[in-house]
């Protein structure tokens, strides 16, 4: 695949790393206003570093945008005359909708939105994808790219805000739960390093159980709860203190916030 990443900051570099590691490129163009900051990436075979967005678009088929929202419209306007029927446009810009892109580059383009999370840096992103009608003809390309960087799910665009809360903000929510588990382990006698190790890998194991078995969480909970046992005692105490309710309320509050921000920007 001939790919260009326009705006190679932290997210762009994480995507580039995954593509290079998985041998998913024929050529890869990385653009940045200050290309010297990423010049060492040009040492990889068939990877080219440049400040010229137009050149990158001309020499690529798949264009991944990872710029700041305020820069995006100007960049689309800059490269729109270079677009042909071979190009697939993939935007990772939060909150920038497909109809806004179409207003600049036209409706006759393959346009896809991708919402990865920061776990993309270690190849474990949960990335949500949405597209315009024409983009659905190329959605498999986006899935192939982001499945090399974790997992992907195609959703309707109107769910992108909710996906941002569940998957992107969700990283922070899970980090806080792991931190709390670590703090509890320290109180129970483990040193800080060992406590975090136990918390991290137990969380990882729990998620892998559900991924590999496709079970509902309660099925796995039932396996470790015995009558009058310590697990059910702990679970009930957490629920009495509002664990599930607090998490749900927090995610809904996060969604309401992002919805209000969107309204203010309109």
C-alpha atoms as a PDB file:
ATOM      1  CA  UNK A   1       0.000   0.000   0.000  1.00  0.00           C
ATOM      2  CA  UNK A   2       1.156   3.510  -0.818  1.00  0.00           C
ATOM      3  CA  UNK A   3       0.310   5.451   2.320  1.00  0.00           C
ATOM      4  CA  UNK A   4       0.849   9.030   3.459  1.00  0.00           C
ATOM      5  CA  UNK A   5       0.379  10.228   7.025  1.00  0.00           C
ATOM      6  CA  UNK A   6      -0.325  13.953   7.038  1.00  0.00           C
ATOM      7  CA  UNK A   7       0.685  15.407  10.392  1.00  0.00           C
ATOM      8  CA  UNK A   8       3.099  12.989  11.981  1.00  0.00           C
ATOM      9  CA  UNK A   9       2.887  13.800  15.675  1.00  0.00           C
ATOM     10  CA  UNK A  10       2.443  11.234  18.428  1.00  0.00           C
ATOM     11  CA  UNK A  11      -0.592   9.548  16.874  1.00  0.00           C
ATOM     12  CA  UNK A  12       0.833   9.671  13.367  1.00  0.00           C
ATOM     13  CA  UNK A  13       4.105   8.123  14.529  1.00  0.00           C
ATOM     14  CA  UNK A  14       2.247   5.365  16.380  1.00  0.00           C
ATOM     15  CA  UNK A  15       0.369   4.523  13.188  1.00  0.00           C
ATOM     16  CA  UNK A  16       3.614   4.657  11.198  1.00  0.00           C
ATOM     17  CA  UNK A  17       5.314   2.312  13.665  1.00  0.00           C
ATOM     18  CA  UNK A  18       2.535  -0.238  13.322  1.00  0.00           C
ATOM     19  CA  UNK A  19       2.550  -0.073   9.536  1.00  0.00           C
ATOM     20  CA  UNK A  20       6.326  -0.451   9.312  1.00  0.00           C
ATOM     21  CA  UNK A  21       6.494  -3.241  11.897  1.00  0.00           C
ATOM     22  CA  UNK A  22       3.796  -5.204  10.081  1.00  0.00           C
ATOM     23  CA  UNK A  23       5.275  -4.655   6.614  1.00  0.00           C
ATOM     24  CA  UNK A  24       2.009  -3.044   5.518  1.00  0.00           C
ATOM     25  CA  UNK A  25       3.494  -0.483   3.144  1.00  0.00           C
ATOM     26  CA  UNK A  26       4.897  -0.248  -0.346  1.00  0.00           C
ATOM     27  CA  UNK A  27       5.846   3.349   0.353  1.00  0.00           C
ATOM     28  CA  UNK A  28       5.118   5.554   3.351  1.00  0.00           C
ATOM     29  CA  UNK A  29       5.262   9.354   3.303  1.00  0.00           C
ATOM     30  CA  UNK A  30       5.366  11.147   6.651  1.00  0.00           C
ATOM     31  CA  UNK A  31       4.697  14.871   6.656  1.00  0.00           C
ATOM     32  CA  UNK A  32       5.392  17.435   9.351  1.00  0.00           C
ATOM     33  CA  UNK A  33       5.914  21.197   9.357  1.00  0.00           C
ATOM     34  CA  UNK A  34       9.346  20.559  10.891  1.00  0.00           C
ATOM     35  CA  UNK A  35      10.496  17.342   9.187  1.00  0.00           C
ATOM     36  CA  UNK A  36      13.873  17.455  10.960  1.00  0.00           C
ATOM     37  CA  UNK A  37      12.066  16.398  14.136  1.00  0.00           C
ATOM     38  CA  UNK A  38      11.313  12.995  12.571  1.00  0.00           C
ATOM     39  CA  UNK A  39      14.210  12.756  10.119  1.00  0.00           C
ATOM     40  CA  UNK A  40      15.404   9.452  11.623  1.00  0.00           C
ATOM     41  CA  UNK A  41      12.231   7.764  10.324  1.00  0.00           C
ATOM     42  CA  UNK A  42      13.574   8.268   6.818  1.00  0.00           C
ATOM     43  CA  UNK A  43      16.154   5.584   7.579  1.00  0.00           C
ATOM     44  CA  UNK A  44      13.482   2.919   7.204  1.00  0.00           C
ATOM     45  CA  UNK A  45      13.202   1.340   3.766  1.00  0.00           C
ATOM     46  CA  UNK A  46      10.634   3.054   1.509  1.00  0.00           C
ATOM     47  CA  UNK A  47       9.800   5.660   4.163  1.00  0.00           C
ATOM     48  CA  UNK A  48      10.055   9.309   3.130  1.00  0.00           C
ATOM     49  CA  UNK A  49       9.919  12.341   5.427  1.00  0.00           C
ATOM     50  CA  UNK A  50       8.789  15.679   4.019  1.00  0.00           C
ATOM     51  CA  UNK A  51       7.082  18.974   4.817  1.00  0.00           C
ATOM     52  CA  UNK A  52       5.310  18.887   1.440  1.00  0.00           C
ATOM     53  CA  UNK A  53       1.743  17.602   1.860  1.00  0.00           C
ATOM     54  CA  UNK A  54       1.051  17.917  -1.862  1.00  0.00           C
ATOM     55  CA  UNK A  55       4.002  15.683  -2.754  1.00  0.00           C
ATOM     56  CA  UNK A  56       2.891  13.095  -0.200  1.00  0.00           C
ATOM     57  CA  UNK A  57      -0.633  13.009  -1.649  1.00  0.00           C
ATOM     58  CA  UNK A  58       0.595  12.802  -5.231  1.00  0.00           C
ATOM     59  CA  UNK A  59       2.751   9.762  -4.444  1.00  0.00           C
ATOM     60  CA  UNK A  60       0.258   7.887  -2.255  1.00  0.00           C
ATOM     61  CA  UNK A  61      -3.109   6.159  -2.541  1.00  0.00           C
ATOM     62  CA  UNK A  62      -4.190   6.147   1.102  1.00  0.00           C
ATOM     63  CA  UNK A  63      -4.025   9.426   3.000  1.00  0.00           C
ATOM     64  CA  UNK A  64      -4.249   9.314   6.798  1.00  0.00           C
ATOM     65  CA  UNK A  65      -4.805  12.693   8.438  1.00  0.00           C
ATOM     66  CA  UNK A  66      -3.544  13.101  12.020  1.00  0.00           C
ATOM     67  CA  UNK A  67      -3.382  16.889  12.349  1.00  0.00           C
ATOM     68  CA  UNK A  68      -4.917  19.305  14.846  1.00  0.00           C
ATOM     69  CA  UNK A  69      -8.598  20.131  14.129  1.00  0.00           C
ATOM     70  CA  UNK A  70      -7.808  23.813  13.546  1.00  0.00           C
ATOM     71  CA  UNK A  71      -5.341  22.882  10.781  1.00  0.00           C
ATOM     72  CA  UNK A  72      -7.488  20.326   8.995  1.00  0.00           C
ATOM     73  CA  UNK A  73      -9.635  22.524   6.746  1.00  0.00           C
ATOM     74  CA  UNK A  74      -6.598  24.376   5.438  1.00  0.00           C
ATOM     75  CA  UNK A  75      -4.773  21.140   4.658  1.00  0.00           C
ATOM     76  CA  UNK A  76      -7.792  19.687   2.842  1.00  0.00           C
ATOM     77  CA  UNK A  77      -8.038  22.862   0.785  1.00  0.00           C
ATOM     78  CA  UNK A  78      -4.322  22.616   0.032  1.00  0.00           C
ATOM     79  CA  UNK A  79      -4.459  19.078  -1.343  1.00  0.00           C
ATOM     80  CA  UNK A  80      -7.986  18.831  -2.807  1.00  0.00           C
ATOM     81  CA  UNK A  81      -6.868  19.525  -6.394  1.00  0.00           C
ATOM     82  CA  UNK A  82      -4.409  16.593  -6.201  1.00  0.00           C
ATOM     83  CA  UNK A  83      -7.068  14.024  -5.325  1.00  0.00           C
ATOM     84  CA  UNK A  84      -7.980  11.381  -7.904  1.00  0.00           C
ATOM     85  CA  UNK A  85     -10.317   8.398  -7.921  1.00  0.00           C
ATOM     86  CA  UNK A  86      -7.516   6.252  -6.461  1.00  0.00           C
ATOM     87  CA  UNK A  87      -7.297   8.157  -3.176  1.00  0.00           C
ATOM     88  CA  UNK A  88      -8.813   6.985   0.092  1.00  0.00           C
ATOM     89  CA  UNK A  89      -9.023   9.680   2.774  1.00  0.00           C
ATOM     90  CA  UNK A  90      -8.872   8.515   6.392  1.00  0.00           C
ATOM     91  CA  UNK A  91      -9.359  11.164   9.064  1.00  0.00           C
ATOM     92  CA  UNK A  92      -8.403  10.617  12.710  1.00  0.00           C
ATOM     93  CA  UNK A  93      -9.451  14.148  13.686  1.00  0.00           C
ATOM     94  CA  UNK A  94     -11.861  14.046  16.632  1.00  0.00           C
ATOM     95  CA  UNK A  95     -15.126  15.874  16.059  1.00  0.00           C
ATOM     96  CA  UNK A  96     -14.532  16.695  12.391  1.00  0.00           C
ATOM     97  CA  UNK A  97     -17.466  15.188  10.543  1.00  0.00           C
ATOM     98  CA  UNK A  98     -17.639  13.625   7.119  1.00  0.00           C
ATOM     99  CA  UNK A  99     -19.966  16.295   5.702  1.00  0.00           C
ATOM    100  CA  UNK A 100     -17.392  18.932   6.712  1.00  0.00           C
ATOM    101  CA  UNK A 101     -14.729  17.097   4.722  1.00  0.00           C
ATOM    102  CA  UNK A 102     -17.091  16.696   1.763  1.00  0.00           C
ATOM    103  CA  UNK A 103     -17.778  20.426   1.792  1.00  0.00           C
ATOM    104  CA  UNK A 104     -14.092  20.992   0.973  1.00  0.00           C
ATOM    105  CA  UNK A 105     -13.020  18.016  -1.172  1.00  0.00           C
ATOM    106  CA  UNK A 106     -16.390  17.106  -2.665  1.00  0.00           C
ATOM    107  CA  UNK A 107     -18.812  14.232  -2.148  1.00  0.00           C
ATOM    108  CA  UNK A 108     -17.218  12.018  -4.794  1.00  0.00           C
ATOM    109  CA  UNK A 109     -14.337  10.908  -2.565  1.00  0.00           C
ATOM    110  CA  UNK A 110     -13.706   7.786  -0.505  1.00  0.00           C
ATOM    111  CA  UNK A 111     -13.912   9.305   2.990  1.00  0.00           C
ATOM    112  CA  UNK A 112     -13.460   7.349   6.221  1.00  0.00           C
ATOM    113  CA  UNK A 113     -13.287   8.520   9.822  1.00  0.00           C
ATOM    114  CA  UNK A 114     -11.142   6.551  12.271  1.00  0.00           C
ATOM    115  CA  UNK A 115     -11.205   6.989  16.048  1.00  0.00           C
ATOM    116  CA  UNK A 116      -8.248   5.089  17.575  1.00  0.00           C
ATOM    117  CA  UNK A 117      -7.123   5.318  21.187  1.00  0.00           C
ATOM    118  CA  UNK A 118      -3.682   5.749  22.749  1.00  0.00           C
ATOM    119  CA  UNK A 119      -3.149   1.980  23.002  1.00  0.00           C
ATOM    120  CA  UNK A 120      -2.317   2.215  19.298  1.00  0.00           C
ATOM    121  CA  UNK A 121       1.233   2.946  20.508  1.00  0.00           C
ATOM    122  CA  UNK A 122       1.528  -0.710  21.594  1.00  0.00           C
ATOM    123  CA  UNK A 123      -0.596  -2.206  18.810  1.00  0.00           C
ATOM    124  CA  UNK A 124      -3.699  -2.644  20.971  1.00  0.00           C
ATOM    125  CA  UNK A 125      -6.012   0.172  19.880  1.00  0.00           C
ATOM    126  CA  UNK A 126      -9.766  -0.254  19.702  1.00  0.00           C
ATOM    127  CA  UNK A 127     -10.456   1.824  16.608  1.00  0.00           C
ATOM    128  CA  UNK A 128     -13.963   2.748  15.461  1.00  0.00           C
ATOM    129  CA  UNK A 129     -14.540   3.438  11.764  1.00  0.00           C
ATOM    130  CA  UNK A 130     -17.278   5.271   9.878  1.00  0.00           C
ATOM    131  CA  UNK A 131     -17.540   6.424   6.278  1.00  0.00           C
ATOM    132  CA  UNK A 132     -19.599   8.205   3.667  1.00  0.00           C
ATOM    133  CA  UNK A 133     -21.537   6.070   1.184  1.00  0.00           C
ATOM    134  CA  UNK A 134     -18.659   5.931  -1.283  1.00  0.00           C
ATOM    135  CA  UNK A 135     -16.150   5.244   1.478  1.00  0.00           C
ATOM    136  CA  UNK A 136     -17.916   1.983   2.330  1.00  0.00           C
ATOM    137  CA  UNK A 137     -16.411   0.588  -0.866  1.00  0.00           C
ATOM    138  CA  UNK A 138     -12.953   1.033   0.694  1.00  0.00           C
ATOM    139  CA  UNK A 139     -13.772   0.403   4.352  1.00  0.00           C
ATOM    140  CA  UNK A 140     -11.968  -2.958   4.223  1.00  0.00           C
ATOM    141  CA  UNK A 141      -8.738  -1.070   3.547  1.00  0.00           C
ATOM    142  CA  UNK A 142      -9.165   0.943   6.733  1.00  0.00           C
ATOM    143  CA  UNK A 143     -10.015  -2.219   8.668  1.00  0.00           C
ATOM    144  CA  UNK A 144      -6.878  -3.912   7.352  1.00  0.00           C
ATOM    145  CA  UNK A 145      -4.747  -0.959   8.472  1.00  0.00           C
ATOM    146  CA  UNK A 146      -6.179  -0.584  11.952  1.00  0.00           C
ATOM    147  CA  UNK A 147      -6.464  -4.321  12.601  1.00  0.00           C
ATOM    148  CA  UNK A 148      -2.681  -4.328  12.325  1.00  0.00           C
ATOM    149  CA  UNK A 149      -2.703  -1.776  15.159  1.00  0.00           C
ATOM    150  CA  UNK A 150      -5.192  -3.566  17.394  1.00  0.00           C
ATOM    151  CA  UNK A 151      -8.867  -4.109  16.589  1.00  0.00           C
ATOM    152  CA  UNK A 152     -11.458  -2.177  14.613  1.00  0.00           C
ATOM    153  CA  UNK A 153     -15.230  -1.894  14.464  1.00  0.00           C
ATOM    154  CA  UNK A 154     -17.333  -0.232  11.760  1.00  0.00           C
ATOM    155  CA  UNK A 155     -20.081   1.929  13.269  1.00  0.00           C
ATOM    156  CA  UNK A 156     -22.556   4.600  12.080  1.00  0.00           C
ATOM    157  CA  UNK A 157     -21.018   8.054  12.195  1.00  0.00           C
ATOM    158  CA  UNK A 158     -23.596   9.310  14.708  1.00  0.00           C
ATOM    159  CA  UNK A 159     -22.068   6.934  17.280  1.00  0.00           C
ATOM    160  CA  UNK A 160     -18.574   8.423  16.942  1.00  0.00           C
ATOM    161  CA  UNK A 161     -19.028  10.690  19.964  1.00  0.00           C
ATOM    162  CA  UNK A 162     -20.138   7.754  22.089  1.00  0.00           C
ATOM    163  CA  UNK A 163     -17.198   5.713  20.783  1.00  0.00           C
ATOM    164  CA  UNK A 164     -14.861   8.513  21.829  1.00  0.00           C
ATOM    165  CA  UNK A 165     -16.114   8.148  25.403  1.00  0.00           C
ATOM    166  CA  UNK A 166     -16.087   4.334  25.484  1.00  0.00           C
ATOM    167  CA  UNK A 167     -12.770   3.789  23.698  1.00  0.00           C
ATOM    168  CA  UNK A 168     -10.652   6.956  23.855  1.00  0.00           C
ATOM    169  CA  UNK A 169     -11.704   8.357  27.238  1.00  0.00           C
ATOM    170  CA  UNK A 170     -12.198   4.736  28.241  1.00  0.00           C
ATOM    171  CA  UNK A 171      -8.439   4.273  28.415  1.00  0.00           C
ATOM    172  CA  UNK A 172      -8.361   6.819  31.269  1.00  0.00           C
ATOM    173  CA  UNK A 173     -11.290   5.157  33.026  1.00  0.00           C
ATOM    174  CA  UNK A 174      -9.574   1.779  32.960  1.00  0.00           C
ATOM    175  CA  UNK A 175      -6.290   3.343  34.102  1.00  0.00           C
ATOM    176  CA  UNK A 176      -8.074   4.768  37.136  1.00  0.00           C
ATOM    177  CA  UNK A 177      -9.545   1.353  37.967  1.00  0.00           C
ATOM    178  CA  UNK A 178      -6.096  -0.228  37.677  1.00  0.00           C
ATOM    179  CA  UNK A 179      -4.676   2.497  39.909  1.00  0.00           C
ATOM    180  CA  UNK A 180      -7.352   1.878  42.519  1.00  0.00           C
ATOM    181  CA  UNK A 181      -6.630  -1.860  42.435  1.00  0.00           C
ATOM    182  CA  UNK A 182      -2.934  -1.070  42.855  1.00  0.00           C
ATOM    183  CA  UNK A 183      -3.639   1.131  45.868  1.00  0.00           C
ATOM    184  CA  UNK A 184      -5.722  -1.609  47.457  1.00  0.00           C
ATOM    185  CA  UNK A 185      -2.949  -4.152  46.881  1.00  0.00           C
ATOM    186  CA  UNK A 186      -0.469  -1.832  48.594  1.00  0.00           C
ATOM    187  CA  UNK A 187      -2.803  -1.522  51.572  1.00  0.00           C
ATOM    188  CA  UNK A 188      -2.985  -5.316  51.686  1.00  0.00           C
ATOM    189  CA  UNK A 189       0.794  -5.582  51.963  1.00  0.00           C
ATOM    190  CA  UNK A 190       2.397  -5.577  48.499  1.00  0.00           C
ATOM    191  CA  UNK A 191       5.044  -3.046  47.545  1.00  0.00           C
ATOM    192  CA  UNK A 192       4.062  -0.500  44.890  1.00  0.00           C
ATOM    193  CA  UNK A 193       5.794  -2.205  41.938  1.00  0.00           C
ATOM    194  CA  UNK A 194       4.403  -5.649  42.689  1.00  0.00           C
ATOM    195  CA  UNK A 195       0.960  -4.188  43.384  1.00  0.00           C
ATOM    196  CA  UNK A 196       0.814  -2.564  39.949  1.00  0.00           C
ATOM    197  CA  UNK A 197       2.108  -5.722  38.279  1.00  0.00           C
ATOM    198  CA  UNK A 198      -0.681  -7.742  39.878  1.00  0.00           C
ATOM    199  CA  UNK A 199      -3.315  -5.158  38.918  1.00  0.00           C
ATOM    200  CA  UNK A 200      -2.177  -4.759  35.306  1.00  0.00           C
ATOM    201  CA  UNK A 201      -1.906  -8.429  34.469  1.00  0.00           C
ATOM    202  CA  UNK A 202      -5.108  -9.389  36.247  1.00  0.00           C
ATOM    203  CA  UNK A 203      -6.943  -6.724  34.206  1.00  0.00           C
ATOM    204  CA  UNK A 204      -5.276  -7.996  31.037  1.00  0.00           C
ATOM    205  CA  UNK A 205      -6.259 -11.574  31.849  1.00  0.00           C
ATOM    206  CA  UNK A 206      -9.866 -10.607  32.536  1.00  0.00           C
ATOM    207  CA  UNK A 207     -10.234  -8.888  29.164  1.00  0.00           C
ATOM    208  CA  UNK A 208      -8.548 -11.772  27.324  1.00  0.00           C
ATOM    209  CA  UNK A 209     -10.946 -14.246  28.954  1.00  0.00           C
ATOM    210  CA  UNK A 210     -13.897 -12.361  27.478  1.00  0.00           C
ATOM    211  CA  UNK A 211     -12.213 -11.873  24.099  1.00  0.00           C
ATOM    212  CA  UNK A 212     -11.225 -15.523  23.720  1.00  0.00           C
ATOM    213  CA  UNK A 213     -14.421 -17.093  25.109  1.00  0.00           C
ATOM    214  CA  UNK A 214     -16.986 -14.495  23.977  1.00  0.00           C
ATOM    215  CA  UNK A 215     -18.609 -14.929  27.371  1.00  0.00           C
ATOM    216  CA  UNK A 216     -20.678 -12.346  29.206  1.00  0.00           C
ATOM    217  CA  UNK A 217     -18.716 -10.908  32.167  1.00  0.00           C
ATOM    218  CA  UNK A 218     -21.176 -12.433  34.643  1.00  0.00           C
ATOM    219  CA  UNK A 219     -20.334 -15.931  33.362  1.00  0.00           C
ATOM    220  CA  UNK A 220     -16.715 -15.447  34.407  1.00  0.00           C
ATOM    221  CA  UNK A 221     -17.724 -13.718  37.654  1.00  0.00           C
ATOM    222  CA  UNK A 222     -19.826 -16.764  38.569  1.00  0.00           C
ATOM    223  CA  UNK A 223     -16.740 -18.983  38.258  1.00  0.00           C
ATOM    224  CA  UNK A 224     -14.917 -17.114  41.053  1.00  0.00           C
ATOM    225  CA  UNK A 225     -17.818 -16.384  43.404  1.00  0.00           C
ATOM    226  CA  UNK A 226     -18.746 -19.039  45.962  1.00  0.00           C
ATOM    227  CA  UNK A 227     -21.502 -18.922  48.575  1.00  0.00           C
ATOM    228  CA  UNK A 228     -20.441 -16.745  51.515  1.00  0.00           C
ATOM    229  CA  UNK A 229     -17.029 -16.350  49.864  1.00  0.00           C
ATOM    230  CA  UNK A 230     -14.624 -13.431  49.829  1.00  0.00           C
ATOM    231  CA  UNK A 231     -15.257 -12.516  46.160  1.00  0.00           C
ATOM    232  CA  UNK A 232     -19.004 -11.988  46.504  1.00  0.00           C
ATOM    233  CA  UNK A 233     -18.399 -10.122  49.763  1.00  0.00           C
ATOM    234  CA  UNK A 234     -16.067  -7.730  47.975  1.00  0.00           C
ATOM    235  CA  UNK A 235     -18.323  -7.336  44.915  1.00  0.00           C
ATOM    236  CA  UNK A 236     -21.378  -6.567  47.020  1.00  0.00           C
ATOM    237  CA  UNK A 237     -19.483  -3.989  49.069  1.00  0.00           C
ATOM    238  CA  UNK A 238     -18.294  -2.287  45.864  1.00  0.00           C
ATOM    239  CA  UNK A 239     -21.832  -2.203  44.485  1.00  0.00           C
ATOM    240  CA  UNK A 240     -23.203  -0.850  47.774  1.00  0.00           C
ATOM    241  CA  UNK A 241     -20.685   1.976  47.395  1.00  0.00           C
ATOM    242  CA  UNK A 242     -21.816   2.571  43.796  1.00  0.00           C
ATOM    243  CA  UNK A 243     -19.030   1.110  41.638  1.00  0.00           C
ATOM    244  CA  UNK A 244     -21.133   0.296  38.554  1.00  0.00           C
ATOM    245  CA  UNK A 245     -23.395   3.298  39.008  1.00  0.00           C
ATOM    246  CA  UNK A 246     -20.448   5.695  39.345  1.00  0.00           C
ATOM    247  CA  UNK A 247     -18.756   4.336  36.245  1.00  0.00           C
ATOM    248  CA  UNK A 248     -21.933   4.580  34.165  1.00  0.00           C
ATOM    249  CA  UNK A 249     -22.692   8.099  35.437  1.00  0.00           C
ATOM    250  CA  UNK A 250     -19.121   9.147  34.692  1.00  0.00           C
ATOM    251  CA  UNK A 251     -19.257   7.882  31.113  1.00  0.00           C
ATOM    252  CA  UNK A 252     -22.617   9.557  30.519  1.00  0.00           C
ATOM    253  CA  UNK A 253     -21.216  12.812  31.956  1.00  0.00           C
ATOM    254  CA  UNK A 254     -18.250  12.537  29.594  1.00  0.00           C
ATOM    255  CA  UNK A 255     -20.624  12.012  26.668  1.00  0.00           C
ATOM    256  CA  UNK A 256     -22.733  15.019  27.674  1.00  0.00           C
ATOM    257  CA  UNK A 257     -19.581  17.137  27.835  1.00  0.00           C
ATOM    258  CA  UNK A 258     -18.397  16.183  24.363  1.00  0.00           C
ATOM    259  CA  UNK A 259     -21.925  16.792  23.033  1.00  0.00           C
ATOM    260  CA  UNK A 260     -21.970  20.288  24.529  1.00  0.00           C
ATOM    261  CA  UNK A 261     -18.561  21.061  23.042  1.00  0.00           C
ATOM    262  CA  UNK A 262     -19.857  20.018  19.626  1.00  0.00           C
ATOM    263  CA  UNK A 263     -22.901  22.313  19.984  1.00  0.00           C
ATOM    264  CA  UNK A 264     -20.656  25.253  20.942  1.00  0.00           C
ATOM    265  CA  UNK A 265     -18.525  24.697  17.844  1.00  0.00           C
ATOM    266  CA  UNK A 266     -21.498  24.756  15.476  1.00  0.00           C
END
